C-alpha atoms as a PDB file:
ATOM      1  CA  MET A   1     102.423 110.279  80.019  1.00  0.00           C
ATOM      2  CA  LYS A   2     100.708 109.667  83.332  1.00  0.00           C
ATOM      3  CA  ILE A   3     101.838 111.668  86.324  1.00  0.00           C
ATOM      4  CA  GLY A   4     100.332 109.522  89.065  1.00  0.00           C
ATOM      5  CA  PHE A   5     103.391 107.411  89.800  1.00  0.00           C
ATOM      6  CA  ASP A   6     105.765 110.351  89.450  1.00  0.00           C
ATOM      7  CA  ILE A   7     103.898 112.280  92.134  1.00  0.00           C
ATOM      8  CA  ILE A   8     103.846 109.224  94.410  1.00  0.00           C
ATOM      9  CA  PHE A   9     107.574 108.703  93.769  1.00  0.00           C
ATOM     10  CA  LEU A  10     108.437 112.290  94.698  1.00  0.00           C
ATOM     11  CA  ALA A  11     106.067 112.197  97.679  1.00  0.00           C
ATOM     12  CA  ILE A  12     107.789 109.105  99.095  1.00  0.00           C
ATOM     13  CA  ILE A  13     111.208 110.725  98.700  1.00  0.00           C
ATOM     14  CA  GLY A  14     109.862 113.876 100.362  1.00  0.00           C
ATOM     15  CA  LEU A  15     108.382 111.853 103.214  1.00  0.00           C
ATOM     16  CA  GLY A  16     111.724 110.116 103.658  1.00  0.00           C
ATOM     17  CA  ALA A  17     113.486 113.489 103.873  1.00  0.00           C
ATOM     18  CA  VAL A  18     110.942 114.836 106.369  1.00  0.00           C
ATOM     19  CA  GLY A  19     111.174 111.604 108.348  1.00  0.00           C
ATOM     20  CA  GLY A  20     114.947 111.920 108.445  1.00  0.00           C
ATOM     21  CA  PHE A  21     114.600 115.489 109.694  1.00  0.00           C
ATOM     22  CA  PHE A  22     112.313 114.485 112.546  1.00  0.00           C
ATOM     23  CA  LEU A  23     114.155 111.276 113.419  1.00  0.00           C
ATOM     24  CA  GLY A  24     117.519 112.922 113.799  1.00  0.00           C
ATOM     25  CA  ASP A  25     120.976 112.008 112.644  1.00  0.00           C
ATOM     26  CA  GLU A  26     121.481 108.707 114.453  1.00  0.00           C
ATOM     27  CA  LYS A  27     118.087 107.209 113.625  1.00  0.00           C
ATOM     28  CA  ALA A  28     118.437 108.450 110.044  1.00  0.00           C
ATOM     29  CA  GLN A  29     121.673 106.475 109.811  1.00  0.00           C
ATOM     30  CA  ARG A  30     119.802 103.406 111.030  1.00  0.00           C
ATOM     31  CA  MET A  31     117.062 104.136 108.491  1.00  0.00           C
ATOM     32  CA  VAL A  32     119.753 104.024 105.793  1.00  0.00           C
ATOM     33  CA  ILE A  33     120.931 100.633 107.032  1.00  0.00           C
ATOM     34  CA  GLY A  34     117.348  99.357 107.178  1.00  0.00           C
ATOM     35  CA  SER A  35     116.561 100.521 103.668  1.00  0.00           C
ATOM     36  CA  LEU A  36     119.680  98.860 102.294  1.00  0.00           C
ATOM     37  CA  VAL A  37     118.944  95.576 104.049  1.00  0.00           C
ATOM     38  CA  GLY A  38     115.264  95.752 103.127  1.00  0.00           C
ATOM     39  CA  SER A  39     115.978  96.584  99.511  1.00  0.00           C
ATOM     40  CA  PHE A  40     118.290  93.665  99.055  1.00  0.00           C
ATOM     41  CA  ALA A  41     115.916  91.370 100.960  1.00  0.00           C
ATOM     42  CA  ALA A  42     113.047  92.468  98.705  1.00  0.00           C
ATOM     43  CA  THR A  43     115.121  91.773  95.623  1.00  0.00           C
ATOM     44  CA  LEU A  44     116.133  88.327  96.833  1.00  0.00           C
ATOM     45  CA  PHE A  45     113.027  87.070  98.635  1.00  0.00           C
ATOM     46  CA  ALA A  46     109.963  88.744  97.075  1.00  0.00           C
ATOM     47  CA  GLU A  47     109.585  86.303  94.198  1.00  0.00           C
ATOM     48  CA  PRO A  48     110.183  83.074  96.188  1.00  0.00           C
ATOM     49  CA  LEU A  49     107.850  84.206  98.967  1.00  0.00           C
ATOM     50  CA  SER A  50     105.113  85.142  96.492  1.00  0.00           C
ATOM     51  CA  LYS A  51     105.383  81.703  94.888  1.00  0.00           C
ATOM     52  CA  LEU A  52     105.260  80.095  98.329  1.00  0.00           C
ATOM     53  CA  LEU A  53     102.150  82.057  99.362  1.00  0.00           C
ATOM     54  CA  GLU A  54     100.495  81.994  95.925  1.00  0.00           C
ATOM     55  CA  GLY A  55      97.544  79.741  96.704  1.00  0.00           C
ATOM     56  CA  LYS A  56      97.209  80.555 100.390  1.00  0.00           C
ATOM     57  CA  ALA A  57      96.278  84.255 100.304  1.00  0.00           C
ATOM     58  CA  SER A  58      94.684  86.041  97.372  1.00  0.00           C
ATOM     59  CA  PHE A  59      95.684  89.553  98.492  1.00  0.00           C
ATOM     60  CA  VAL A  60      99.395  88.765  98.718  1.00  0.00           C
ATOM     61  CA  ASN A  61     101.382  89.415  95.565  1.00  0.00           C
ATOM     62  CA  GLN A  62     105.033  90.066  94.811  1.00  0.00           C
ATOM     63  CA  THR A  63     104.689  93.848  95.123  1.00  0.00           C
ATOM     64  CA  ALA A  64     103.066  93.656  98.556  1.00  0.00           C
ATOM     65  CA  ILE A  65     105.736  91.264  99.782  1.00  0.00           C
ATOM     66  CA  ALA A  66     108.534  93.531  98.508  1.00  0.00           C
ATOM     67  CA  ILE A  67     107.018  96.589 100.191  1.00  0.00           C
ATOM     68  CA  ALA A  68     106.476  94.640 103.420  1.00  0.00           C
ATOM     69  CA  LEU A  69     110.077  93.390 103.477  1.00  0.00           C
ATOM     70  CA  VAL A  70     111.457  96.899 103.042  1.00  0.00           C
ATOM     71  CA  ALA A  71     109.089  98.357 105.643  1.00  0.00           C
ATOM     72  CA  VAL A  72     109.827  95.674 108.240  1.00  0.00           C
ATOM     73  CA  CYS A  73     113.588  96.035 107.831  1.00  0.00           C
ATOM     74  CA  VAL A  74     113.428  99.828 108.108  1.00  0.00           C
ATOM     75  CA  LEU A  75     111.175  99.674 111.167  1.00  0.00           C
ATOM     76  CA  LEU A  76     113.341  97.099 112.898  1.00  0.00           C
ATOM     77  CA  CYS A  77     116.427  99.228 112.369  1.00  0.00           C
ATOM     78  CA  VAL A  78     114.828 102.552 113.308  1.00  0.00           C
ATOM     79  CA  LEU A  79     113.107 101.352 116.459  1.00  0.00           C
ATOM     80  CA  GLY A  80     115.396 101.264 119.392  1.00  0.00           C
ATOM     81  CA  LYS A  81     117.267 103.447 121.780  1.00  0.00           C
ATOM     82  CA  ASN A  82     119.857 105.959 120.641  1.00  0.00           C
ATOM     83  CA  VAL A  83     123.380 105.002 121.609  1.00  0.00           C
ATOM     84  CA  ARG A  84     124.815 108.510 121.750  1.00  0.00           C
ATOM     85  CA  ASP A  85     123.801 110.852 124.499  1.00  0.00           C
ATOM     86  CA  LYS A  86     122.642 114.459 124.197  1.00  0.00           C
ATOM     87  CA  LYS A  87     126.202 115.810 124.052  1.00  0.00           C
ATOM     88  CA  TRP A  88     126.850 114.564 120.510  1.00  0.00           C
ATOM     89  CA  PRO A  89     126.300 117.136 117.761  1.00  0.00           C
ATOM     90  CA  ARG A  90     123.402 116.536 115.411  1.00  0.00           C
ATOM     91  CA  SER A  91     123.083 117.523 111.791  1.00  0.00           C
ATOM     92  CA  ARG A  92     119.597 117.870 110.359  1.00  0.00           C
ATOM     93  CA  VAL A  93     120.992 118.331 106.844  1.00  0.00           C
ATOM     94  CA  LYS A  94     122.704 114.933 106.977  1.00  0.00           C
ATOM     95  CA  ALA A  95     119.484 113.415 108.301  1.00  0.00           C
ATOM     96  CA  ILE A  96     117.419 114.922 105.465  1.00  0.00           C
ATOM     97  CA  ILE A  97     119.848 113.652 102.826  1.00  0.00           C
ATOM     98  CA  SER A  98     119.904 110.226 104.493  1.00  0.00           C
ATOM     99  CA  GLY A  99     116.109 110.039 104.473  1.00  0.00           C
ATOM    100  CA  ALA A 100     115.769 111.102 100.844  1.00  0.00           C
ATOM    101  CA  LEU A 101     118.494 108.746  99.611  1.00  0.00           C
ATOM    102  CA  SER A 102     117.218 105.770 101.585  1.00  0.00           C
ATOM    103  CA  SER A 103     113.657 106.212 100.318  1.00  0.00           C
ATOM    104  CA  ALA A 104     114.922 106.528  96.733  1.00  0.00           C
ATOM    105  CA  VAL A 105     116.896 103.301  97.100  1.00  0.00           C
ATOM    106  CA  ALA A 106     113.903 101.522  98.633  1.00  0.00           C
ATOM    107  CA  ILE A 107     111.639 102.599  95.759  1.00  0.00           C
ATOM    108  CA  ALA A 108     114.213 101.585  93.155  1.00  0.00           C
ATOM    109  CA  PHE A 109     114.617  98.109  94.592  1.00  0.00           C
ATOM    110  CA  VAL A 110     110.872  97.626  95.012  1.00  0.00           C
ATOM    111  CA  ILE A 111     110.551  98.426  91.297  1.00  0.00           C
ATOM    112  CA  ALA A 112     113.335  95.931  90.589  1.00  0.00           C
ATOM    113  CA  SER A 113     111.547  93.206  92.539  1.00  0.00           C
ATOM    114  CA  LEU A 114     108.265  93.531  90.607  1.00  0.00           C
ATOM    115  CA  THR A 115     107.219  90.915  88.084  1.00  0.00           C
ATOM    116  CA  ASN A 116     108.670  91.392  84.619  1.00  0.00           C
ATOM    117  CA  SER A 117     105.449  92.524  82.950  1.00  0.00           C
ATOM    118  CA  THR A 118     104.550  94.974  85.716  1.00  0.00           C
ATOM    119  CA  ARG A 119     108.070  96.385  85.812  1.00  0.00           C
ATOM    120  CA  GLU A 120     108.200  96.829  82.031  1.00  0.00           C
ATOM    121  CA  ASN A 121     104.853  98.647  82.003  1.00  0.00           C
ATOM    122  CA  LEU A 122     105.920 100.898  84.856  1.00  0.00           C
ATOM    123  CA  VAL A 123     109.316 101.682  83.364  1.00  0.00           C
ATOM    124  CA  THR A 124     107.955 102.445  79.889  1.00  0.00           C
ATOM    125  CA  GLU A 125     105.154 104.690  81.128  1.00  0.00           C
ATOM    126  CA  HIS A 126     106.969 106.676  83.839  1.00  0.00           C
ATOM    127  CA  ASN A 127     110.304 108.417  83.462  1.00  0.00           C
ATOM    128  CA  LEU A 128     111.142 108.531  87.159  1.00  0.00           C
ATOM    129  CA  ALA A 129     110.511 104.808  87.493  1.00  0.00           C
ATOM    130  CA  ALA A 130     112.820 104.118  84.566  1.00  0.00           C
ATOM    131  CA  LEU A 131     115.470 106.398  86.022  1.00  0.00           C
ATOM    132  CA  ALA A 132     115.221 104.784  89.464  1.00  0.00           C
ATOM    133  CA  TYR A 133     115.285 101.275  88.003  1.00  0.00           C
ATOM    134  CA  ASP A 134     118.287 101.975  85.786  1.00  0.00           C
ATOM    135  CA  LEU A 135     120.279 103.746  88.493  1.00  0.00           C
ATOM    136  CA  ARG A 136     119.383 101.510  91.452  1.00  0.00           C
ATOM    137  CA  LEU A 137     122.881 100.101  91.927  1.00  0.00           C
ATOM    138  CA  TYR A 138     124.435 103.567  91.721  1.00  0.00           C
ATOM    139  CA  LEU A 139     121.897 104.817  94.251  1.00  0.00           C
ATOM    140  CA  ALA A 140     122.743 101.942  96.587  1.00  0.00           C
ATOM    141  CA  GLY A 141     126.453 102.662  96.172  1.00  0.00           C
ATOM    142  CA  ALA A 142     125.885 106.348  96.860  1.00  0.00           C
ATOM    143  CA  LEU A 143     123.891 105.415  99.954  1.00  0.00           C
ATOM    144  CA  VAL A 144     126.715 103.223 101.258  1.00  0.00           C
ATOM    145  CA  VAL A 145     129.251 105.997 100.633  1.00  0.00           C
ATOM    146  CA  TRP A 146     126.918 108.479 102.353  1.00  0.00           C
ATOM    147  CA  LEU A 147     126.565 106.146 105.328  1.00  0.00           C
ATOM    148  CA  PHE A 148     130.335 105.903 105.703  1.00  0.00           C
ATOM    149  CA  ALA A 149     130.643 109.680 105.347  1.00  0.00           C
ATOM    150  CA  THR A 150     128.060 110.305 108.060  1.00  0.00           C
ATOM    151  CA  TYR A 151     129.815 107.915 110.415  1.00  0.00           C
ATOM    152  CA  LEU A 152     133.217 109.465 109.764  1.00  0.00           C
ATOM    153  CA  THR A 153     132.030 113.060 110.191  1.00  0.00           C
ATOM    154  CA  VAL A 154     130.295 112.702 113.547  1.00  0.00           C
ATOM    155  CA  GLY A 155     132.241 115.423 115.352  1.00  0.00           C
ATOM    156  CA  LYS A 156     133.342 115.732 118.936  1.00  0.00           C
ATOM    157  CA  ALA A 157     131.079 115.524 121.958  1.00  0.00           C
ATOM    158  CA  LYS A 158     130.418 118.697 123.921  1.00  0.00           C
ATOM    159  CA  ARG A 159     131.676 118.714 127.474  1.00  0.00           C
END
Protein backbone atom coordinates (compact mmCIF):
# COMPACT_ATOMS: atom_id res chain seq x y z
CA MET A 1 0.00 0.00 0.00
CA LYS A 2 1.30 3.42 -0.95
CA ILE A 3 0.64 6.30 1.40
CA GLY A 4 1.32 9.17 -0.98
CA PHE A 5 -2.25 9.77 -2.10
CA ASP A 6 -3.65 9.21 1.39
CA ILE A 7 -1.44 11.96 2.80
CA ILE A 8 -2.39 14.30 -0.06
CA PHE A 9 -6.07 13.45 0.49
CA LEU A 10 -5.91 14.25 4.21
CA ALA A 11 -3.82 17.37 3.55
CA ILE A 12 -6.43 18.75 1.14
CA ILE A 13 -9.21 18.11 3.66
CA GLY A 14 -7.10 19.78 6.35
CA LEU A 15 -6.41 22.76 4.10
CA GLY A 16 -10.13 23.04 3.41
CA ALA A 17 -10.86 23.08 7.15
CA VAL A 18 -8.16 25.69 7.81
CA GLY A 19 -9.41 27.72 4.85
CA GLY A 20 -12.94 27.59 6.24
CA PHE A 21 -11.64 28.78 9.61
CA PHE A 22 -9.88 31.78 8.10
CA LEU A 23 -12.61 32.62 5.59
CA GLY A 24 -15.38 32.76 8.14
CA ASP A 25 -18.89 31.42 8.22
CA GLU A 26 -20.41 33.27 5.27
CA LYS A 27 -17.56 32.68 2.83
CA ALA A 28 -17.35 29.06 3.98
CA GLN A 29 -21.01 28.67 3.01
CA ARG A 30 -20.16 30.07 -0.42
CA MET A 31 -17.21 27.68 -0.60
CA VAL A 32 -19.68 24.83 -0.04
CA ILE A 33 -21.84 26.07 -2.90
CA GLY A 34 -18.79 26.46 -5.14
CA SER A 35 -17.53 22.98 -4.39
CA LEU A 36 -20.92 21.46 -5.13
CA VAL A 37 -21.25 23.32 -8.42
CA GLY A 38 -17.64 22.62 -9.34
CA SER A 39 -17.90 18.95 -8.48
CA PHE A 40 -20.93 18.42 -10.63
CA ALA A 41 -19.41 20.51 -13.43
CA ALA A 42 -16.24 18.41 -13.29
CA THR A 43 -18.27 15.22 -13.48
CA LEU A 44 -20.29 16.45 -16.44
CA PHE A 45 -17.78 18.46 -18.47
CA ALA A 46 -14.28 17.05 -17.80
CA GLU A 47 -14.48 14.25 -20.36
CA PRO A 48 -16.09 16.27 -23.20
CA LEU A 49 -13.67 19.16 -22.68
CA SER A 50 -10.66 16.83 -22.66
CA LYS A 51 -11.83 15.29 -25.94
CA LEU A 52 -12.35 18.76 -27.38
CA LEU A 53 -8.86 19.94 -26.36
CA GLU A 54 -7.12 16.61 -27.02
CA GLY A 55 -4.99 17.61 -30.00
CA LYS A 56 -4.62 21.29 -29.17
CA ALA A 57 -2.66 21.18 -25.90
CA SER A 58 -0.47 18.31 -24.76
CA PHE A 59 -0.47 19.29 -21.07
CA VAL A 60 -4.26 19.31 -20.75
CA ASN A 61 -5.81 16.03 -19.68
CA GLN A 62 -9.08 15.05 -18.04
CA THR A 63 -7.67 15.30 -14.50
CA ALA A 64 -6.35 18.82 -15.02
CA ILE A 65 -9.65 19.94 -16.50
CA ALA A 66 -11.61 18.46 -13.58
CA ILE A 67 -9.36 20.16 -11.02
CA ALA A 68 -9.57 23.46 -12.92
CA LEU A 69 -13.38 23.33 -13.08
CA VAL A 70 -13.66 22.73 -9.34
CA ALA A 71 -11.11 25.44 -8.53
CA VAL A 72 -12.72 28.04 -10.78
CA CYS A 73 -16.19 27.41 -9.38
CA VAL A 74 -14.96 27.61 -5.78
CA LEU A 75 -13.00 30.80 -6.46
CA LEU A 76 -15.90 32.45 -8.23
CA CYS A 77 -18.21 31.70 -5.33
CA VAL A 78 -15.77 32.66 -2.57
CA LEU A 79 -14.63 35.93 -4.10
CA GLY A 80 -16.99 38.72 -3.41
CA LYS A 81 -18.27 40.95 -0.69
CA ASN A 82 -19.97 39.60 2.41
CA VAL A 83 -23.66 40.38 2.54
CA ARG A 84 -24.03 40.36 6.32
CA ASP A 85 -22.52 43.11 8.37
CA LYS A 86 -20.36 42.80 11.48
CA LYS A 87 -23.36 42.41 13.79
CA TRP A 88 -24.16 38.87 12.65
CA PRO A 89 -22.76 36.10 14.85
CA ARG A 90 -20.04 33.94 13.35
CA SER A 91 -19.27 30.33 14.07
CA ARG A 92 -15.76 29.10 13.35
CA VAL A 93 -16.78 25.50 14.05
CA LYS A 94 -19.41 25.60 11.30
CA ALA A 95 -16.84 27.15 8.97
CA ILE A 96 -14.28 24.40 9.71
CA ILE A 97 -16.84 21.66 9.09
CA SER A 98 -17.96 23.39 5.89
CA GLY A 99 -14.39 23.60 4.62
CA ALA A 100 -13.57 19.97 5.41
CA LEU A 101 -16.80 18.63 3.89
CA SER A 102 -16.54 20.74 0.75
CA SER A 103 -12.94 19.68 0.10
CA ALA A 104 -13.88 16.02 0.63
CA VAL A 105 -16.71 16.34 -1.88
CA ALA A 106 -14.44 18.09 -4.38
CA ILE A 107 -11.82 15.33 -4.11
CA ALA A 108 -14.44 12.60 -4.44
CA PHE A 109 -15.91 14.09 -7.60
CA VAL A 110 -12.49 14.74 -9.12
CA ILE A 111 -11.76 11.03 -8.59
CA ALA A 112 -15.11 10.22 -10.20
CA SER A 113 -14.28 12.33 -13.25
CA LEU A 114 -10.95 10.59 -13.95
CA THR A 115 -10.58 8.19 -16.85
CA ASN A 116 -11.66 4.63 -16.11
CA SER A 117 -8.16 3.13 -16.02
CA THR A 118 -6.74 5.89 -13.82
CA ARG A 119 -9.70 5.75 -11.46
CA GLU A 120 -9.51 1.96 -11.14
CA ASN A 121 -5.78 2.09 -10.36
CA LEU A 122 -6.29 4.82 -7.79
CA VAL A 123 -9.24 3.12 -6.12
CA THR A 124 -7.54 -0.29 -5.92
CA GLU A 125 -4.28 1.07 -4.52
CA HIS A 126 -5.58 3.62 -2.00
CA ASN A 127 -8.25 3.01 0.61
CA LEU A 128 -9.20 6.65 1.10
CA ALA A 129 -9.69 7.10 -2.63
CA ALA A 130 -11.95 4.06 -2.74
CA LEU A 131 -13.90 5.30 0.26
CA ALA A 132 -14.30 8.79 -1.23
CA TYR A 133 -15.30 7.40 -4.63
CA ASP A 134 -17.85 5.00 -3.18
CA LEU A 135 -19.39 7.54 -0.81
CA ARG A 136 -19.32 10.60 -3.09
CA LEU A 137 -23.10 10.89 -3.42
CA TYR A 138 -23.57 10.52 0.33
CA LEU A 139 -20.91 13.17 0.90
CA ALA A 140 -22.67 15.51 -1.52
CA GLY A 141 -25.99 14.86 0.22
CA ALA A 142 -24.42 15.50 3.61
CA LEU A 143 -22.94 18.73 2.26
CA VAL A 144 -26.33 19.91 1.02
CA VAL A 145 -27.93 19.08 4.38
CA TRP A 146 -25.07 20.88 6.15
CA LEU A 147 -25.55 23.92 3.93
CA PHE A 148 -29.25 24.07 4.79
CA ALA A 149 -28.43 23.62 8.48
CA THR A 150 -25.92 26.46 8.44
CA TYR A 151 -28.41 28.76 6.75
CA LEU A 152 -31.18 27.88 9.19
CA THR A 153 -29.03 28.30 12.30
CA VAL A 154 -27.64 31.76 11.59
CA GLY A 155 -28.81 33.38 14.82
CA LYS A 156 -29.95 36.89 15.57
CA ALA A 157 -28.00 40.04 14.83
CA LYS A 158 -26.55 41.97 17.76
CA ARG A 159 -27.93 45.44 18.27
